[in-house]
Each structure stands twice: as structure tokens, then as C-alpha cells.
């Protein structure tokens, strides 16, 4: 769960230095990691069928 926070921090730094395309790609990577983690967590630990 550390990786989404690192990529979100990198996206914030890219936004600060006005690198929009790189910031959007880091934001997309962050969202994909969080969605994959939630899918795994919901199906195995919470027993929710998604």
C-alpha cells in the first residue's frame, strides 16, 4: 500500500513543476494500483463479489 502514495506524491511534484502529461500518467498509475488493491481486498478479505 506504500506504492500508491509514492506515485501520488510524484504526481503532485509533477503538477508543481507544470509537467501535466507526466502528472496525469502518475495519477492514472495511482488509480490503477488502488483499483487493483480494492478488487483484491474486496474479494478475498471482505467476501464481496465484484
C-alpha atoms as a PDB file:
ATOM      1  CA  UNK A   1       0.000   0.000   0.000  1.00  0.00           C
ATOM      2  CA  UNK A   2       3.039   2.249   0.006  1.00  0.00           C
ATOM      3  CA  UNK A   3       3.293   2.446  -3.794  1.00  0.00           C
ATOM      4  CA  UNK A   4       0.075   4.466  -4.419  1.00  0.00           C
ATOM      5  CA  UNK A   5       1.253   7.135  -2.003  1.00  0.00           C
ATOM      6  CA  UNK A   6       4.628   7.369  -3.732  1.00  0.00           C
ATOM      7  CA  UNK A   7       3.046   7.716  -7.176  1.00  0.00           C
ATOM      8  CA  UNK A   8       0.568  10.300  -5.850  1.00  0.00           C
ATOM      9  CA  UNK A   9       3.467  12.261  -4.369  1.00  0.00           C
ATOM     10  CA  UNK A  10       5.303  12.109  -7.697  1.00  0.00           C
ATOM     11  CA  UNK A  11       2.159  13.344  -9.460  1.00  0.00           C
ATOM     12  CA  UNK A  12       1.942  16.248  -7.010  1.00  0.00           C
ATOM     13  CA  UNK A  13       5.575  17.160  -7.645  1.00  0.00           C
ATOM     14  CA  UNK A  14       4.978  16.990 -11.410  1.00  0.00           C
ATOM     15  CA  UNK A  15       1.945  19.257 -11.095  1.00  0.00           C
ATOM     16  CA  UNK A  16       4.021  21.691  -9.039  1.00  0.00           C
ATOM     17  CA  UNK A  17       6.645  21.867 -11.800  1.00  0.00           C
ATOM     18  CA  UNK A  18       3.958  22.053 -14.542  1.00  0.00           C
ATOM     19  CA  UNK A  19       4.596  18.688 -16.156  1.00  0.00           C
ATOM     20  CA  UNK A  20       0.983  17.913 -16.955  1.00  0.00           C
ATOM     21  CA  UNK A  21       1.326  14.753 -19.049  1.00  0.00           C
ATOM     22  CA  UNK A  22       3.680  13.133 -16.555  1.00  0.00           C
ATOM     23  CA  UNK A  23       1.399  14.125 -13.688  1.00  0.00           C
ATOM     24  CA  UNK A  24      -1.615  12.618 -15.477  1.00  0.00           C
ATOM     25  CA  UNK A  25       0.262   9.386 -16.088  1.00  0.00           C
ATOM     26  CA  UNK A  26       1.291   9.138 -12.408  1.00  0.00           C
ATOM     27  CA  UNK A  27      -2.303   9.873 -11.390  1.00  0.00           C
ATOM     28  CA  UNK A  28      -3.509   7.116 -13.712  1.00  0.00           C
ATOM     29  CA  UNK A  29      -0.962   4.677 -12.295  1.00  0.00           C
ATOM     30  CA  UNK A  30      -2.091   5.585  -8.775  1.00  0.00           C
ATOM     31  CA  UNK A  31      -5.733   4.953  -9.651  1.00  0.00           C
ATOM     32  CA  UNK A  32      -4.934   1.622 -11.298  1.00  0.00           C
ATOM     33  CA  UNK A  33      -2.978   0.457  -8.249  1.00  0.00           C
ATOM     34  CA  UNK A  34      -5.768   1.499  -5.902  1.00  0.00           C
ATOM     35  CA  UNK A  35      -8.434  -0.180  -8.036  1.00  0.00           C
ATOM     36  CA  UNK A  36      -6.432  -3.408  -8.246  1.00  0.00           C
ATOM     37  CA  UNK A  37      -5.835  -3.341  -4.493  1.00  0.00           C
ATOM     38  CA  UNK A  38      -9.509  -2.717  -3.764  1.00  0.00           C
ATOM     39  CA  UNK A  39     -10.559  -5.521  -6.121  1.00  0.00           C
ATOM     40  CA  UNK A  40      -8.203  -7.951  -4.349  1.00  0.00           C
ATOM     41  CA  UNK A  41      -9.129  -6.738  -0.869  1.00  0.00           C
ATOM     42  CA  UNK A  42     -12.873  -6.795  -1.517  1.00  0.00           C
ATOM     43  CA  UNK A  43     -12.912 -10.290  -2.967  1.00  0.00           C
ATOM     44  CA  UNK A  44     -10.554 -12.016  -0.522  1.00  0.00           C
ATOM     45  CA  UNK A  45     -10.950 -10.216   2.794  1.00  0.00           C
ATOM     46  CA  UNK A  46     -14.437  -8.730   2.656  1.00  0.00           C
ATOM     47  CA  UNK A  47     -16.040 -11.545   0.627  1.00  0.00           C
ATOM     48  CA  UNK A  48     -17.733  -9.116  -1.772  1.00  0.00           C
ATOM     49  CA  UNK A  49     -18.241 -10.429  -5.267  1.00  0.00           C
ATOM     50  CA  UNK A  50     -17.394  -7.631  -7.713  1.00  0.00           C
END
